[in-house]
Amino acid sequence: MLFVKFIIIILLLFIIASLFSGLYFLVKDKGETKRTVNALTVRIGLSILAIVIILIAAATGVLEINPSPIQ
């Protein structure tokens, strides 16, 4: 359980790094290269991977999802 949380935190840090690198390339390149698009594509891929890992961990019982307050 701790290992899955560690992986998710590492993925979130990479997502934030990719977001800021996309911002840096957007400001520096001024639309002349595709580096901004590549950085944002990596961010989307990492986000999808994080969501899939969370869903699989919740389905297998590794992560416990909080119950709904509406019952």
N, C-alpha and C. Protein backbone atom coordinates (compact mmCIF):
# COMPACT_ATOMS: atom_id res chain seq x y z
N MET A 1 0.83 -1.19 0.00
CA MET A 1 0.00 0.00 0.00
C MET A 1 0.87 1.25 0.00
N LEU A 2 1.90 1.25 0.76
CA LEU A 2 2.80 2.40 0.82
C LEU A 2 3.53 2.57 -0.51
N PHE A 3 3.87 1.44 -1.16
CA PHE A 3 4.56 1.50 -2.43
C PHE A 3 3.68 2.15 -3.51
N VAL A 4 2.41 1.84 -3.53
CA VAL A 4 1.49 2.42 -4.51
C VAL A 4 1.35 3.92 -4.26
N LYS A 5 1.26 4.32 -3.02
CA LYS A 5 1.18 5.75 -2.71
C LYS A 5 2.45 6.47 -3.12
N PHE A 6 3.59 5.84 -2.93
CA PHE A 6 4.86 6.42 -3.34
C PHE A 6 4.90 6.60 -4.86
N ILE A 7 4.45 5.61 -5.61
CA ILE A 7 4.42 5.70 -7.07
C ILE A 7 3.50 6.83 -7.52
N ILE A 8 2.35 6.98 -6.88
CA ILE A 8 1.41 8.03 -7.24
C ILE A 8 2.01 9.41 -6.95
N ILE A 9 2.68 9.55 -5.83
CA ILE A 9 3.32 10.84 -5.50
C ILE A 9 4.42 11.17 -6.50
N ILE A 10 5.21 10.18 -6.87
CA ILE A 10 6.27 10.40 -7.87
C ILE A 10 5.65 10.80 -9.21
N LEU A 11 4.57 10.15 -9.61
CA LEU A 11 3.89 10.51 -10.85
C LEU A 11 3.36 11.94 -10.80
N LEU A 12 2.79 12.33 -9.67
CA LEU A 12 2.29 13.68 -9.53
C LEU A 12 3.41 14.72 -9.61
N LEU A 13 4.56 14.41 -9.05
CA LEU A 13 5.71 15.31 -9.16
C LEU A 13 6.18 15.44 -10.61
N PHE A 14 6.20 14.32 -11.35
CA PHE A 14 6.56 14.38 -12.76
C PHE A 14 5.53 15.15 -13.57
N ILE A 15 4.26 15.03 -13.22
CA ILE A 15 3.20 15.78 -13.90
C ILE A 15 3.41 17.29 -13.69
N ILE A 16 3.72 17.68 -12.47
CA ILE A 16 3.95 19.10 -12.18
C ILE A 16 5.20 19.60 -12.91
N ALA A 17 6.25 18.78 -12.94
CA ALA A 17 7.47 19.17 -13.65
C ALA A 17 7.20 19.33 -15.15
N SER A 18 6.41 18.44 -15.71
CA SER A 18 6.06 18.54 -17.13
C SER A 18 5.21 19.77 -17.41
N LEU A 19 4.33 20.09 -16.49
CA LEU A 19 3.49 21.28 -16.65
C LEU A 19 4.35 22.55 -16.68
N PHE A 20 5.29 22.65 -15.76
CA PHE A 20 6.13 23.84 -15.73
C PHE A 20 7.14 23.87 -16.89
N SER A 21 7.58 22.71 -17.36
CA SER A 21 8.45 22.72 -18.53
C SER A 21 7.67 23.16 -19.77
N GLY A 22 6.41 22.78 -19.87
CA GLY A 22 5.57 23.27 -20.96
C GLY A 22 5.39 24.77 -20.90
N LEU A 23 5.21 25.30 -19.71
CA LEU A 23 5.10 26.75 -19.54
C LEU A 23 6.40 27.45 -19.93
N TYR A 24 7.52 26.88 -19.53
CA TYR A 24 8.82 27.46 -19.87
C TYR A 24 9.03 27.47 -21.39
N PHE A 25 8.71 26.34 -22.05
CA PHE A 25 8.88 26.27 -23.50
C PHE A 25 7.91 27.21 -24.21
N LEU A 26 6.72 27.40 -23.66
CA LEU A 26 5.75 28.31 -24.25
C LEU A 26 6.26 29.74 -24.24
N VAL A 27 6.86 30.14 -23.12
CA VAL A 27 7.37 31.50 -22.99
C VAL A 27 8.66 31.68 -23.79
N LYS A 28 9.55 30.69 -23.75
CA LYS A 28 10.85 30.83 -24.38
C LYS A 28 10.78 30.70 -25.90
N ASP A 29 10.07 29.71 -26.42
CA ASP A 29 10.06 29.44 -27.86
C ASP A 29 9.09 30.32 -28.64
N LYS A 30 8.09 30.85 -27.99
CA LYS A 30 7.08 31.71 -28.62
C LYS A 30 6.40 31.04 -29.81
N GLY A 31 6.11 29.74 -29.66
CA GLY A 31 5.36 29.02 -30.67
C GLY A 31 6.15 28.57 -31.88
N GLU A 32 7.47 28.64 -31.83
CA GLU A 32 8.28 28.26 -32.98
C GLU A 32 8.61 26.77 -33.03
N THR A 33 8.58 26.08 -31.88
CA THR A 33 8.90 24.65 -31.87
C THR A 33 7.72 23.88 -31.28
N LYS A 34 7.86 22.57 -31.29
CA LYS A 34 6.81 21.68 -30.78
C LYS A 34 7.10 21.21 -29.36
N ARG A 35 8.05 21.83 -28.69
CA ARG A 35 8.42 21.37 -27.35
C ARG A 35 7.30 21.55 -26.35
N THR A 36 6.50 22.60 -26.51
CA THR A 36 5.37 22.82 -25.60
C THR A 36 4.35 21.70 -25.75
N VAL A 37 4.05 21.35 -26.99
CA VAL A 37 3.08 20.28 -27.26
C VAL A 37 3.61 18.96 -26.71
N ASN A 38 4.89 18.70 -26.90
CA ASN A 38 5.47 17.45 -26.39
C ASN A 38 5.41 17.40 -24.87
N ALA A 39 5.69 18.50 -24.19
CA ALA A 39 5.65 18.52 -22.73
C ALA A 39 4.22 18.29 -22.23
N LEU A 40 3.25 18.90 -22.89
CA LEU A 40 1.87 18.72 -22.46
C LEU A 40 1.35 17.32 -22.80
N THR A 41 1.85 16.72 -23.89
CA THR A 41 1.48 15.35 -24.22
C THR A 41 2.01 14.39 -23.16
N VAL A 42 3.23 14.62 -22.71
CA VAL A 42 3.79 13.80 -21.63
C VAL A 42 2.96 13.96 -20.37
N ARG A 43 2.54 15.18 -20.07
CA ARG A 43 1.72 15.42 -18.88
C ARG A 43 0.40 14.67 -18.95
N ILE A 44 -0.23 14.68 -20.10
CA ILE A 44 -1.50 13.97 -20.26
C ILE A 44 -1.30 12.46 -20.11
N GLY A 45 -0.23 11.95 -20.70
CA GLY A 45 0.06 10.53 -20.57
C GLY A 45 0.32 10.11 -19.13
N LEU A 46 1.07 10.93 -18.41
CA LEU A 46 1.33 10.63 -17.00
C LEU A 46 0.06 10.73 -16.15
N SER A 47 -0.80 11.67 -16.49
CA SER A 47 -2.07 11.81 -15.76
C SER A 47 -2.96 10.60 -15.97
N ILE A 48 -3.03 10.12 -17.21
CA ILE A 48 -3.82 8.92 -17.49
C ILE A 48 -3.23 7.72 -16.77
N LEU A 49 -1.91 7.61 -16.76
CA LEU A 49 -1.26 6.51 -16.05
C LEU A 49 -1.57 6.56 -14.55
N ALA A 50 -1.54 7.75 -13.96
CA ALA A 50 -1.85 7.89 -12.53
C ALA A 50 -3.29 7.49 -12.25
N ILE A 51 -4.22 7.89 -13.10
CA ILE A 51 -5.62 7.53 -12.90
C ILE A 51 -5.82 6.02 -13.02
N VAL A 52 -5.16 5.40 -13.99
CA VAL A 52 -5.28 3.95 -14.16
C VAL A 52 -4.71 3.22 -12.94
N ILE A 53 -3.56 3.68 -12.45
CA ILE A 53 -2.97 3.04 -11.27
C ILE A 53 -3.89 3.17 -10.06
N ILE A 54 -4.49 4.34 -9.89
CA ILE A 54 -5.42 4.54 -8.76
C ILE A 54 -6.64 3.64 -8.90
N LEU A 55 -7.18 3.53 -10.10
CA LEU A 55 -8.36 2.67 -10.31
C LEU A 55 -8.03 1.20 -10.07
N ILE A 56 -6.89 0.75 -10.56
CA ILE A 56 -6.51 -0.65 -10.35
C ILE A 56 -6.24 -0.92 -8.88
N ALA A 57 -5.56 0.00 -8.20
CA ALA A 57 -5.28 -0.18 -6.77
C ALA A 57 -6.56 -0.17 -5.96
N ALA A 58 -7.53 0.64 -6.34
CA ALA A 58 -8.81 0.66 -5.63
C ALA A 58 -9.61 -0.61 -5.90
N ALA A 59 -9.56 -1.11 -7.14
CA ALA A 59 -10.32 -2.32 -7.48
C ALA A 59 -9.74 -3.56 -6.81
N THR A 60 -8.43 -3.60 -6.63
CA THR A 60 -7.81 -4.76 -6.00
C THR A 60 -7.79 -4.67 -4.47
N GLY A 61 -8.13 -3.51 -3.94
CA GLY A 61 -8.18 -3.37 -2.49
C GLY A 61 -6.90 -2.86 -1.88
N VAL A 62 -5.92 -2.51 -2.69
CA VAL A 62 -4.67 -1.99 -2.16
C VAL A 62 -4.89 -0.61 -1.56
N LEU A 63 -5.68 0.22 -2.22
CA LEU A 63 -6.06 1.52 -1.69
C LEU A 63 -7.52 1.46 -1.25
N GLU A 64 -7.78 2.02 -0.09
CA GLU A 64 -9.17 2.05 0.39
C GLU A 64 -9.78 3.39 0.03
N ILE A 65 -10.90 3.33 -0.65
CA ILE A 65 -11.61 4.53 -1.05
C ILE A 65 -12.55 4.93 0.09
N ASN A 66 -12.62 6.23 0.38
CA ASN A 66 -13.51 6.69 1.42
C ASN A 66 -14.96 6.47 1.02
N PRO A 67 -15.80 6.06 1.97
CA PRO A 67 -17.20 5.85 1.63
C PRO A 67 -17.91 7.18 1.38
N SER A 68 -18.98 7.10 0.62
CA SER A 68 -19.75 8.30 0.29
C SER A 68 -20.47 8.80 1.52
N PRO A 69 -20.49 10.11 1.74
CA PRO A 69 -21.21 10.65 2.91
C PRO A 69 -22.72 10.64 2.70
N ILE A 70 -23.16 10.43 1.48
CA ILE A 70 -24.59 10.40 1.18
C ILE A 70 -25.07 8.97 1.21
N GLN A 71 -25.69 8.57 2.31
CA GLN A 71 -26.20 7.20 2.42
C GLN A 71 -27.51 7.17 3.16
